[in-house]
Amino acid sequence: MATPRPAPRPLIPALCAVALAVVVAAAGVLHADADAENGVLVAVVVAVGIAGLLATVVAVAFAMPGVVGWAVALLAAQYASAVIGGGASVDVLAPLVGIGLLLVAELSHTACEWRGPHAVDASVELRRWGRLTAAGAAGALAGGGALALAAAVPGSVPGLLVGAAGVVGLVGLATWLRHTTSGEAPHVA
């Protein structure tokens, strides 16, 4: 068993989570601002983005992991409404925004977990961040590939199938990562 060490400084992942939340919110606002003739869309996108940023700040400042999901959901809804309201058929930034949302969630949870005098094993944290990096790379590859296929052949069934397979694979990977980082054995049906 590895020797536990004192909890690291939670300020680093907290600041990174807030900075990434600002980047994701800015991407949504810039996307909506491209469709500037629809002032209501821009106002809604800005309001939902500010709510997502505030939720992220509250989650990391007061170590409230239950608020992290709401923050990520608000940021995702903000970007989705900007894309849908703008009428874009293919959004090439979507995989990067998705990875940004994943990192906001993970960094926020890490900032919440690193509070207090509990022990943290350095090797477990390294494995956790290695798996997160692998999940982000796989998500970028799957999302970018699906978007490239969809852009090459608009309305193609293979593009839809690749995108759906990518989503199912990422959900399975996220479930597997959660079980391997929490110490629980994966449930086998």
N, C-alpha and C. Protein backbone atom coordinates (compact mmCIF):
# COMPACT_ATOMS: atom_id res chain seq x y z
N MET A 1 0.85 -1.17 0.00
CA MET A 1 0.00 0.00 0.00
C MET A 1 0.89 1.23 0.00
N ALA A 2 0.57 2.16 -0.86
CA ALA A 2 1.36 3.38 -0.97
C ALA A 2 1.13 4.26 0.25
N THR A 3 2.15 4.99 0.60
CA THR A 3 2.05 5.89 1.73
C THR A 3 1.23 7.11 1.33
N PRO A 4 0.17 7.42 2.10
CA PRO A 4 -0.61 8.59 1.74
C PRO A 4 0.16 9.87 2.02
N ARG A 5 -0.13 10.87 1.27
CA ARG A 5 0.50 12.17 1.47
C ARG A 5 -0.60 13.19 1.75
N PRO A 6 -0.25 14.31 2.32
CA PRO A 6 -1.29 15.31 2.56
C PRO A 6 -1.93 15.76 1.25
N ALA A 7 -3.15 16.20 1.33
CA ALA A 7 -3.88 16.64 0.14
C ALA A 7 -3.15 17.81 -0.51
N PRO A 8 -3.05 17.82 -1.84
CA PRO A 8 -2.40 18.92 -2.53
C PRO A 8 -3.24 20.18 -2.50
N ARG A 9 -2.71 21.23 -3.05
CA ARG A 9 -3.42 22.50 -3.09
C ARG A 9 -4.60 22.42 -4.06
N PRO A 10 -5.83 22.61 -3.57
CA PRO A 10 -6.99 22.53 -4.45
C PRO A 10 -7.16 23.76 -5.33
N LEU A 11 -6.34 24.80 -5.11
CA LEU A 11 -6.50 26.03 -5.88
C LEU A 11 -6.12 25.83 -7.35
N ILE A 12 -5.13 24.98 -7.62
CA ILE A 12 -4.68 24.77 -9.00
C ILE A 12 -5.79 24.17 -9.87
N PRO A 13 -6.39 23.03 -9.49
CA PRO A 13 -7.47 22.53 -10.35
C PRO A 13 -8.70 23.44 -10.35
N ALA A 14 -8.93 24.16 -9.24
CA ALA A 14 -10.09 25.07 -9.19
C ALA A 14 -9.92 26.20 -10.19
N LEU A 15 -8.74 26.81 -10.22
CA LEU A 15 -8.49 27.90 -11.17
C LEU A 15 -8.53 27.40 -12.62
N CYS A 16 -7.98 26.20 -12.85
CA CYS A 16 -8.02 25.63 -14.20
C CYS A 16 -9.45 25.34 -14.63
N ALA A 17 -10.28 24.84 -13.71
CA ALA A 17 -11.69 24.57 -14.03
C ALA A 17 -12.43 25.85 -14.39
N VAL A 18 -12.21 26.90 -13.61
CA VAL A 18 -12.89 28.17 -13.89
C VAL A 18 -12.39 28.76 -15.21
N ALA A 19 -11.08 28.67 -15.46
CA ALA A 19 -10.53 29.20 -16.71
C ALA A 19 -11.10 28.46 -17.92
N LEU A 20 -11.19 27.14 -17.84
CA LEU A 20 -11.78 26.38 -18.94
C LEU A 20 -13.27 26.66 -19.11
N ALA A 21 -13.97 26.88 -17.99
CA ALA A 21 -15.39 27.24 -18.08
C ALA A 21 -15.55 28.58 -18.79
N VAL A 22 -14.64 29.51 -18.54
CA VAL A 22 -14.68 30.80 -19.23
C VAL A 22 -14.46 30.60 -20.73
N VAL A 23 -13.51 29.73 -21.08
CA VAL A 23 -13.23 29.47 -22.50
C VAL A 23 -14.44 28.85 -23.19
N VAL A 24 -15.07 27.87 -22.55
CA VAL A 24 -16.25 27.22 -23.14
C VAL A 24 -17.40 28.21 -23.27
N ALA A 25 -17.62 29.03 -22.23
CA ALA A 25 -18.69 30.03 -22.30
C ALA A 25 -18.41 31.06 -23.39
N ALA A 26 -17.15 31.45 -23.52
CA ALA A 26 -16.78 32.41 -24.57
C ALA A 26 -16.99 31.82 -25.95
N ALA A 27 -16.71 30.52 -26.11
CA ALA A 27 -16.94 29.87 -27.40
C ALA A 27 -18.42 29.91 -27.76
N GLY A 28 -19.28 29.69 -26.78
CA GLY A 28 -20.72 29.76 -27.04
C GLY A 28 -21.18 31.16 -27.39
N VAL A 29 -20.66 32.16 -26.68
CA VAL A 29 -21.04 33.54 -26.96
C VAL A 29 -20.55 33.96 -28.34
N LEU A 30 -19.31 33.59 -28.69
CA LEU A 30 -18.79 33.93 -30.01
C LEU A 30 -19.58 33.24 -31.12
N HIS A 31 -20.00 32.01 -30.86
CA HIS A 31 -20.80 31.29 -31.85
C HIS A 31 -22.14 31.97 -32.04
N ALA A 32 -22.77 32.40 -30.93
CA ALA A 32 -24.06 33.09 -31.02
C ALA A 32 -23.90 34.48 -31.61
N ASP A 33 -22.78 35.12 -31.32
CA ASP A 33 -22.54 36.48 -31.81
C ASP A 33 -22.35 36.50 -33.32
N ALA A 34 -21.95 35.36 -33.90
CA ALA A 34 -21.83 35.28 -35.36
C ALA A 34 -23.21 35.44 -36.01
N ASP A 35 -24.25 35.08 -35.26
CA ASP A 35 -25.63 35.25 -35.73
C ASP A 35 -26.22 36.46 -35.00
N ALA A 36 -25.56 37.62 -35.16
CA ALA A 36 -25.88 38.81 -34.38
C ALA A 36 -27.26 39.39 -34.67
N GLU A 37 -27.88 39.03 -35.79
CA GLU A 37 -29.20 39.60 -36.07
C GLU A 37 -30.26 39.06 -35.13
N ASN A 38 -30.00 37.94 -34.46
CA ASN A 38 -30.93 37.38 -33.49
C ASN A 38 -30.48 37.80 -32.08
N GLY A 39 -30.94 38.96 -31.63
CA GLY A 39 -30.53 39.49 -30.34
C GLY A 39 -31.01 38.66 -29.16
N VAL A 40 -32.17 38.03 -29.31
CA VAL A 40 -32.69 37.19 -28.23
C VAL A 40 -31.79 35.99 -28.01
N LEU A 41 -31.31 35.37 -29.10
CA LEU A 41 -30.42 34.23 -28.99
C LEU A 41 -29.14 34.62 -28.26
N VAL A 42 -28.56 35.75 -28.62
CA VAL A 42 -27.32 36.19 -27.98
C VAL A 42 -27.57 36.44 -26.49
N ALA A 43 -28.68 37.08 -26.14
CA ALA A 43 -28.99 37.36 -24.74
C ALA A 43 -29.17 36.07 -23.94
N VAL A 44 -29.87 35.10 -24.51
CA VAL A 44 -30.08 33.82 -23.82
C VAL A 44 -28.75 33.09 -23.64
N VAL A 45 -27.94 33.07 -24.67
CA VAL A 45 -26.65 32.38 -24.60
C VAL A 45 -25.75 33.03 -23.55
N VAL A 46 -25.72 34.34 -23.51
CA VAL A 46 -24.91 35.04 -22.51
C VAL A 46 -25.43 34.75 -21.11
N ALA A 47 -26.74 34.79 -20.91
CA ALA A 47 -27.31 34.55 -19.58
C ALA A 47 -27.03 33.13 -19.09
N VAL A 48 -27.22 32.15 -19.96
CA VAL A 48 -26.98 30.75 -19.56
C VAL A 48 -25.48 30.53 -19.33
N GLY A 49 -24.63 31.16 -20.13
CA GLY A 49 -23.19 31.05 -19.93
C GLY A 49 -22.75 31.63 -18.60
N ILE A 50 -23.31 32.78 -18.23
CA ILE A 50 -22.97 33.40 -16.94
C ILE A 50 -23.45 32.50 -15.80
N ALA A 51 -24.63 31.92 -15.94
CA ALA A 51 -25.13 31.00 -14.91
C ALA A 51 -24.21 29.79 -14.76
N GLY A 52 -23.72 29.26 -15.88
CA GLY A 52 -22.79 28.12 -15.83
C GLY A 52 -21.47 28.50 -15.19
N LEU A 53 -20.97 29.69 -15.50
CA LEU A 53 -19.73 30.16 -14.87
C LEU A 53 -19.90 30.34 -13.37
N LEU A 54 -21.01 30.97 -12.97
CA LEU A 54 -21.26 31.16 -11.54
C LEU A 54 -21.40 29.82 -10.81
N ALA A 55 -22.06 28.87 -11.43
CA ALA A 55 -22.19 27.55 -10.81
C ALA A 55 -20.82 26.88 -10.67
N THR A 56 -19.94 27.04 -11.66
CA THR A 56 -18.60 26.48 -11.56
C THR A 56 -17.83 27.12 -10.42
N VAL A 57 -17.91 28.43 -10.32
CA VAL A 57 -17.20 29.14 -9.24
C VAL A 57 -17.72 28.71 -7.87
N VAL A 58 -19.04 28.62 -7.73
CA VAL A 58 -19.62 28.18 -6.45
C VAL A 58 -19.18 26.76 -6.11
N ALA A 59 -19.18 25.88 -7.11
CA ALA A 59 -18.81 24.48 -6.88
C ALA A 59 -17.37 24.35 -6.37
N VAL A 60 -16.45 25.06 -6.99
CA VAL A 60 -15.05 24.91 -6.58
C VAL A 60 -14.71 25.76 -5.36
N ALA A 61 -15.39 26.88 -5.17
CA ALA A 61 -15.09 27.75 -4.03
C ALA A 61 -15.59 27.15 -2.72
N PHE A 62 -16.74 26.49 -2.76
CA PHE A 62 -17.32 25.96 -1.54
C PHE A 62 -17.29 24.44 -1.48
N ALA A 63 -16.50 23.81 -2.35
CA ALA A 63 -16.34 22.34 -2.40
C ALA A 63 -17.71 21.65 -2.41
N MET A 64 -18.50 21.99 -3.42
CA MET A 64 -19.84 21.42 -3.57
C MET A 64 -19.89 20.58 -4.85
N PRO A 65 -19.48 19.30 -4.76
CA PRO A 65 -19.45 18.48 -5.98
C PRO A 65 -20.82 18.27 -6.61
N GLY A 66 -21.88 18.41 -5.87
CA GLY A 66 -23.22 18.27 -6.44
C GLY A 66 -23.58 19.38 -7.42
N VAL A 67 -22.91 20.51 -7.31
CA VAL A 67 -23.18 21.65 -8.19
C VAL A 67 -22.41 21.53 -9.50
N VAL A 68 -21.37 20.70 -9.53
CA VAL A 68 -20.53 20.56 -10.73
C VAL A 68 -21.35 20.09 -11.92
N GLY A 69 -22.21 19.13 -11.72
CA GLY A 69 -23.05 18.63 -12.81
C GLY A 69 -23.95 19.71 -13.38
N TRP A 70 -24.51 20.55 -12.51
CA TRP A 70 -25.35 21.65 -12.98
C TRP A 70 -24.52 22.66 -13.77
N ALA A 71 -23.32 22.92 -13.32
CA ALA A 71 -22.46 23.87 -14.03
C ALA A 71 -22.14 23.37 -15.43
N VAL A 72 -21.77 22.12 -15.54
CA VAL A 72 -21.43 21.54 -16.84
C VAL A 72 -22.68 21.47 -17.73
N ALA A 73 -23.82 21.14 -17.14
CA ALA A 73 -25.07 21.09 -17.92
C ALA A 73 -25.43 22.47 -18.45
N LEU A 74 -25.26 23.50 -17.65
CA LEU A 74 -25.57 24.85 -18.10
C LEU A 74 -24.62 25.29 -19.22
N LEU A 75 -23.34 24.99 -19.07
CA LEU A 75 -22.37 25.35 -20.11
C LEU A 75 -22.66 24.59 -21.41
N ALA A 76 -23.02 23.31 -21.28
CA ALA A 76 -23.35 22.52 -22.47
C ALA A 76 -24.63 23.04 -23.13
N ALA A 77 -25.62 23.39 -22.33
CA ALA A 77 -26.87 23.94 -22.88
C ALA A 77 -26.62 25.27 -23.56
N GLN A 78 -25.72 26.06 -23.00
CA GLN A 78 -25.39 27.34 -23.60
C GLN A 78 -24.78 27.16 -24.98
N TYR A 79 -23.82 26.24 -25.09
CA TYR A 79 -23.18 26.02 -26.38
C TYR A 79 -24.14 25.38 -27.38
N ALA A 80 -24.94 24.43 -26.91
CA ALA A 80 -25.90 23.78 -27.80
C ALA A 80 -26.93 24.77 -28.32
N SER A 81 -27.40 25.66 -27.47
CA SER A 81 -28.39 26.64 -27.94
C SER A 81 -27.76 27.62 -28.93
N ALA A 82 -26.47 27.93 -28.74
CA ALA A 82 -25.78 28.81 -29.70
C ALA A 82 -25.66 28.12 -31.06
N VAL A 83 -25.34 26.82 -31.05
CA VAL A 83 -25.18 26.10 -32.31
C VAL A 83 -26.53 25.90 -33.00
N ILE A 84 -27.52 25.46 -32.25
CA ILE A 84 -28.84 25.21 -32.83
C ILE A 84 -29.49 26.51 -33.28
N GLY A 85 -29.38 27.54 -32.45
CA GLY A 85 -29.98 28.83 -32.79
C GLY A 85 -29.30 29.48 -33.98
N GLY A 86 -28.01 29.19 -34.15
CA GLY A 86 -27.28 29.74 -35.28
C GLY A 86 -27.57 29.03 -36.59
N GLY A 87 -28.16 27.86 -36.52
CA GLY A 87 -28.53 27.12 -37.72
C GLY A 87 -27.37 26.43 -38.42
N ALA A 88 -26.26 26.20 -37.72
CA ALA A 88 -25.12 25.53 -38.34
C ALA A 88 -25.43 24.05 -38.51
N SER A 89 -25.11 23.51 -39.69
CA SER A 89 -25.36 22.09 -39.93
C SER A 89 -24.27 21.23 -39.31
N VAL A 90 -23.02 21.69 -39.37
CA VAL A 90 -21.90 20.96 -38.78
C VAL A 90 -21.05 21.96 -38.00
N ASP A 91 -20.80 21.65 -36.75
CA ASP A 91 -19.99 22.53 -35.91
C ASP A 91 -18.65 21.86 -35.64
N VAL A 92 -17.60 22.38 -36.24
CA VAL A 92 -16.29 21.74 -36.13
C VAL A 92 -15.66 21.92 -34.76
N LEU A 93 -16.13 22.86 -33.96
CA LEU A 93 -15.56 23.07 -32.62
C LEU A 93 -16.22 22.18 -31.56
N ALA A 94 -17.28 21.47 -31.90
CA ALA A 94 -18.01 20.68 -30.92
C ALA A 94 -17.13 19.66 -30.17
N PRO A 95 -16.23 18.91 -30.84
CA PRO A 95 -15.39 17.99 -30.07
C PRO A 95 -14.48 18.70 -29.07
N LEU A 96 -13.98 19.87 -29.43
CA LEU A 96 -13.12 20.62 -28.50
C LEU A 96 -13.93 21.16 -27.32
N VAL A 97 -15.13 21.61 -27.58
CA VAL A 97 -15.99 22.09 -26.50
C VAL A 97 -16.36 20.92 -25.59
N GLY A 98 -16.62 19.75 -26.18
CA GLY A 98 -16.92 18.56 -25.37
C GLY A 98 -15.77 18.18 -24.47
N ILE A 99 -14.56 18.23 -24.99
CA ILE A 99 -13.39 17.93 -24.16
C ILE A 99 -13.23 18.99 -23.08
N GLY A 100 -13.50 20.25 -23.44
CA GLY A 100 -13.45 21.32 -22.44
C GLY A 100 -14.45 21.08 -21.31
N LEU A 101 -15.65 20.65 -21.66
CA LEU A 101 -16.66 20.35 -20.63
C LEU A 101 -16.22 19.18 -19.75
N LEU A 102 -15.64 18.16 -20.37
CA LEU A 102 -15.14 17.01 -19.61
C LEU A 102 -14.07 17.46 -18.62
N LEU A 103 -13.16 18.31 -19.08
CA LEU A 103 -12.09 18.80 -18.20
C LEU A 103 -12.62 19.73 -17.12
N VAL A 104 -13.62 20.54 -17.42
CA VAL A 104 -14.22 21.39 -16.39
C VAL A 104 -14.80 20.52 -15.29
N ALA A 105 -15.51 19.47 -15.68
CA ALA A 105 -16.11 18.57 -14.68
C ALA A 105 -15.04 17.88 -13.85
N GLU A 106 -14.02 17.34 -14.50
CA GLU A 106 -13.00 16.60 -13.77
C GLU A 106 -12.17 17.51 -12.87
N LEU A 107 -11.78 18.66 -13.37
CA LEU A 107 -11.01 19.60 -12.56
C LEU A 107 -11.83 20.13 -11.39
N SER A 108 -13.11 20.36 -11.61
CA SER A 108 -13.97 20.83 -10.52
C SER A 108 -14.11 19.77 -9.44
N HIS A 109 -14.32 18.53 -9.86
CA HIS A 109 -14.41 17.45 -8.87
C HIS A 109 -13.09 17.26 -8.15
N THR A 110 -11.98 17.37 -8.86
CA THR A 110 -10.67 17.24 -8.22
C THR A 110 -10.48 18.35 -7.19
N ALA A 111 -10.86 19.57 -7.52
CA ALA A 111 -10.74 20.68 -6.56
C ALA A 111 -11.59 20.42 -5.32
N CYS A 112 -12.76 19.82 -5.51
CA CYS A 112 -13.62 19.49 -4.36
C CYS A 112 -13.02 18.35 -3.53
N GLU A 113 -12.47 17.34 -4.19
CA GLU A 113 -11.92 16.18 -3.49
C GLU A 113 -10.64 16.51 -2.73
N TRP A 114 -9.87 17.46 -3.22
CA TRP A 114 -8.58 17.76 -2.60
C TRP A 114 -8.69 18.67 -1.38
N ARG A 115 -9.89 18.98 -0.96
CA ARG A 115 -10.07 19.80 0.23
C ARG A 115 -9.90 18.94 1.47
N GLY A 116 -9.40 19.52 2.52
CA GLY A 116 -9.34 18.84 3.81
C GLY A 116 -8.11 17.97 3.98
N PRO A 117 -8.02 17.30 5.11
CA PRO A 117 -6.81 16.55 5.46
C PRO A 117 -6.79 15.10 4.97
N HIS A 118 -7.71 14.72 4.09
CA HIS A 118 -7.74 13.33 3.65
C HIS A 118 -6.48 13.00 2.86
N ALA A 119 -6.19 11.72 2.77
CA ALA A 119 -4.97 11.27 2.09
C ALA A 119 -5.22 11.09 0.60
N VAL A 120 -4.20 11.37 -0.19
CA VAL A 120 -4.26 11.20 -1.63
C VAL A 120 -3.03 10.41 -2.05
N ASP A 121 -3.25 9.35 -2.79
CA ASP A 121 -2.14 8.53 -3.27
C ASP A 121 -1.69 9.08 -4.63
N ALA A 122 -0.41 9.42 -4.73
CA ALA A 122 0.11 10.04 -5.96
C ALA A 122 -0.04 9.12 -7.17
N SER A 123 0.19 7.82 -7.00
CA SER A 123 0.10 6.91 -8.14
C SER A 123 -1.35 6.79 -8.65
N VAL A 124 -2.31 6.84 -7.75
CA VAL A 124 -3.72 6.79 -8.15
C VAL A 124 -4.07 8.05 -8.94
N GLU A 125 -3.59 9.19 -8.48
CA GLU A 125 -3.86 10.44 -9.20
C GLU A 125 -3.22 10.43 -10.58
N LEU A 126 -2.01 9.91 -10.71
CA LEU A 126 -1.35 9.85 -12.02
C LEU A 126 -2.12 8.95 -12.98
N ARG A 127 -2.58 7.80 -12.48
CA ARG A 127 -3.37 6.91 -13.32
C ARG A 127 -4.69 7.57 -13.72
N ARG A 128 -5.30 8.28 -12.79
CA ARG A 128 -6.56 8.95 -13.05
C ARG A 128 -6.40 9.98 -14.16
N TRP A 129 -5.35 10.78 -14.10
CA TRP A 129 -5.14 11.81 -15.12
C TRP A 129 -4.68 11.20 -16.43
N GLY A 130 -4.00 10.08 -16.39
CA GLY A 130 -3.65 9.37 -17.63
C GLY A 130 -4.88 8.86 -18.34
N ARG A 131 -5.82 8.30 -17.57
CA ARG A 131 -7.07 7.82 -18.15
C ARG A 131 -7.90 8.97 -18.69
N LEU A 132 -7.92 10.08 -17.97
CA LEU A 132 -8.65 11.25 -18.44
C LEU A 132 -8.07 11.77 -19.75
N THR A 133 -6.75 11.79 -19.85
CA THR A 133 -6.09 12.23 -21.09
C THR A 133 -6.45 11.29 -22.23
N ALA A 134 -6.44 9.99 -21.95
CA ALA A 134 -6.80 9.02 -22.99
C ALA A 134 -8.26 9.19 -23.42
N ALA A 135 -9.15 9.45 -22.46
CA ALA A 135 -10.56 9.65 -22.81
C ALA A 135 -10.73 10.92 -23.64
N GLY A 136 -10.01 11.97 -23.30
CA GLY A 136 -10.08 13.21 -24.07
C GLY A 136 -9.56 13.02 -25.49
N ALA A 137 -8.46 12.31 -25.63
CA ALA A 137 -7.90 12.06 -26.97
C ALA A 137 -8.85 11.19 -27.79
N ALA A 138 -9.42 10.16 -27.16
CA ALA A 138 -10.36 9.30 -27.87
C ALA A 138 -11.61 10.09 -28.28
N GLY A 139 -12.07 10.97 -27.41
CA GLY A 139 -13.23 11.78 -27.73
C GLY A 139 -12.97 12.74 -28.88
N ALA A 140 -11.78 13.35 -28.88
CA ALA A 140 -11.42 14.26 -29.97
C ALA A 140 -11.31 13.51 -31.28
N LEU A 141 -10.73 12.33 -31.23
CA LEU A 141 -10.58 11.52 -32.44
C LEU A 141 -11.94 11.06 -32.97
N ALA A 142 -12.77 10.53 -32.08
CA ALA A 142 -14.09 10.05 -32.50
C ALA A 142 -14.97 11.20 -32.98
N GLY A 143 -15.00 12.29 -32.21
CA GLY A 143 -15.83 13.43 -32.59
C GLY A 143 -15.34 14.10 -33.85
N GLY A 144 -14.02 14.29 -33.96
CA GLY A 144 -13.46 14.91 -35.16
C GLY A 144 -13.66 14.04 -36.39
N GLY A 145 -13.51 12.74 -36.23
CA GLY A 145 -13.72 11.83 -37.35
C GLY A 145 -15.16 11.82 -37.82
N ALA A 146 -16.09 11.81 -36.87
CA ALA A 146 -17.51 11.84 -37.23
C ALA A 146 -17.87 13.14 -37.92
N LEU A 147 -17.32 14.25 -37.41
CA LEU A 147 -17.61 15.54 -38.05
C LEU A 147 -16.99 15.63 -39.44
N ALA A 148 -15.79 15.11 -39.60
CA ALA A 148 -15.16 15.12 -40.92
C ALA A 148 -15.97 14.29 -41.91
N LEU A 149 -16.47 13.14 -41.47
CA LEU A 149 -17.28 12.29 -42.33
C LEU A 149 -18.61 12.98 -42.66
N ALA A 150 -19.21 13.61 -41.65
CA ALA A 150 -20.48 14.30 -41.88
C ALA A 150 -20.31 15.49 -42.82
N ALA A 151 -19.17 16.18 -42.70
CA ALA A 151 -18.93 17.32 -43.58
C ALA A 151 -18.65 16.87 -45.01
N ALA A 152 -17.99 15.70 -45.15
CA ALA A 152 -17.67 15.20 -46.48
C ALA A 152 -18.92 14.75 -47.22
N VAL A 153 -19.84 14.09 -46.51
CA VAL A 153 -21.06 13.59 -47.12
C VAL A 153 -22.23 14.07 -46.26
N PRO A 154 -22.79 15.25 -46.55
CA PRO A 154 -23.88 15.78 -45.73
C PRO A 154 -25.07 14.83 -45.67
N GLY A 155 -25.58 14.62 -44.46
CA GLY A 155 -26.74 13.78 -44.28
C GLY A 155 -26.46 12.30 -44.50
N SER A 156 -25.21 11.88 -44.32
CA SER A 156 -24.86 10.49 -44.60
C SER A 156 -25.20 9.59 -43.43
N VAL A 157 -25.66 8.41 -43.74
CA VAL A 157 -25.94 7.40 -42.72
C VAL A 157 -24.65 6.92 -42.07
N PRO A 158 -23.54 6.69 -42.82
CA PRO A 158 -22.30 6.29 -42.15
C PRO A 158 -21.82 7.32 -41.14
N GLY A 159 -21.99 8.60 -41.44
CA GLY A 159 -21.60 9.64 -40.49
C GLY A 159 -22.41 9.56 -39.21
N LEU A 160 -23.70 9.31 -39.34
CA LEU A 160 -24.57 9.16 -38.19
C LEU A 160 -24.16 7.94 -37.37
N LEU A 161 -23.86 6.83 -38.05
CA LEU A 161 -23.48 5.61 -37.34
C LEU A 161 -22.14 5.77 -36.61
N VAL A 162 -21.18 6.42 -37.26
CA VAL A 162 -19.88 6.65 -36.61
C VAL A 162 -20.06 7.55 -35.40
N GLY A 163 -20.86 8.59 -35.53
CA GLY A 163 -21.11 9.49 -34.40
C GLY A 163 -21.79 8.78 -33.25
N ALA A 164 -22.80 7.96 -33.55
CA ALA A 164 -23.50 7.21 -32.50
C ALA A 164 -22.57 6.20 -31.84
N ALA A 165 -21.74 5.53 -32.62
CA ALA A 165 -20.78 4.57 -32.04
C ALA A 165 -19.78 5.29 -31.15
N GLY A 166 -19.37 6.49 -31.57
CA GLY A 166 -18.44 7.27 -30.74
C GLY A 166 -19.06 7.66 -29.41
N VAL A 167 -20.31 8.07 -29.44
CA VAL A 167 -20.99 8.45 -28.19
C VAL A 167 -21.14 7.24 -27.27
N VAL A 168 -21.58 6.11 -27.82
CA VAL A 168 -21.73 4.90 -27.01
C VAL A 168 -20.38 4.47 -26.43
N GLY A 169 -19.33 4.54 -27.25
CA GLY A 169 -17.99 4.19 -26.77
C GLY A 169 -17.51 5.10 -25.67
N LEU A 170 -17.77 6.40 -25.79
CA LEU A 170 -17.33 7.33 -24.76
C LEU A 170 -18.10 7.15 -23.46
N VAL A 171 -19.39 6.84 -23.55
CA VAL A 171 -20.16 6.58 -22.33
C VAL A 171 -19.64 5.32 -21.66
N GLY A 172 -19.35 4.28 -22.45
CA GLY A 172 -18.77 3.06 -21.88
C GLY A 172 -17.41 3.32 -21.26
N LEU A 173 -16.59 4.11 -21.92
CA LEU A 173 -15.27 4.45 -21.39
C LEU A 173 -15.40 5.24 -20.10
N ALA A 174 -16.33 6.20 -20.06
CA ALA A 174 -16.53 6.99 -18.84
C ALA A 174 -16.98 6.11 -17.68
N THR A 175 -17.87 5.17 -17.96
CA THR A 175 -18.33 4.24 -16.92
C THR A 175 -17.18 3.38 -16.42
N TRP A 176 -16.40 2.87 -17.34
CA TRP A 176 -15.24 2.05 -16.96
C TRP A 176 -14.25 2.86 -16.14
N LEU A 177 -13.99 4.10 -16.56
CA LEU A 177 -13.05 4.95 -15.83
C LEU A 177 -13.55 5.25 -14.43
N ARG A 178 -14.84 5.46 -14.29
CA ARG A 178 -15.38 5.75 -12.98
C ARG A 178 -15.19 4.56 -12.04
N HIS A 179 -15.41 3.36 -12.55
CA HIS A 179 -15.25 2.18 -11.71
C HIS A 179 -13.79 1.92 -11.39
N THR A 180 -12.89 2.17 -12.32
CA THR A 180 -11.47 1.89 -12.06
C THR A 180 -10.84 2.95 -11.18
N THR A 181 -11.35 4.17 -11.18
CA THR A 181 -10.75 5.19 -10.31
C THR A 181 -11.39 5.22 -8.94
N SER A 182 -12.59 4.66 -8.78
CA SER A 182 -13.25 4.67 -7.49
C SER A 182 -12.90 3.45 -6.65
N GLY A 183 -12.22 2.49 -7.24
CA GLY A 183 -11.84 1.30 -6.50
C GLY A 183 -12.89 0.21 -6.55
N GLU A 184 -14.05 0.48 -7.15
CA GLU A 184 -15.09 -0.53 -7.26
C GLU A 184 -14.77 -1.46 -8.42
N ALA A 185 -15.22 -2.68 -8.31
CA ALA A 185 -15.08 -3.61 -9.41
C ALA A 185 -16.16 -3.32 -10.43
N PRO A 186 -15.84 -3.34 -11.73
CA PRO A 186 -16.87 -3.11 -12.74
C PRO A 186 -17.98 -4.15 -12.63
N HIS A 187 -19.22 -3.70 -12.79
CA HIS A 187 -20.36 -4.59 -12.72
C HIS A 187 -20.48 -5.37 -14.03
N VAL A 188 -20.55 -6.67 -13.91
CA VAL A 188 -20.69 -7.52 -15.08
C VAL A 188 -22.07 -8.12 -15.04
N ALA A 189 -22.86 -7.90 -16.10
CA ALA A 189 -24.24 -8.41 -16.11
C ALA A 189 -24.28 -9.84 -16.58
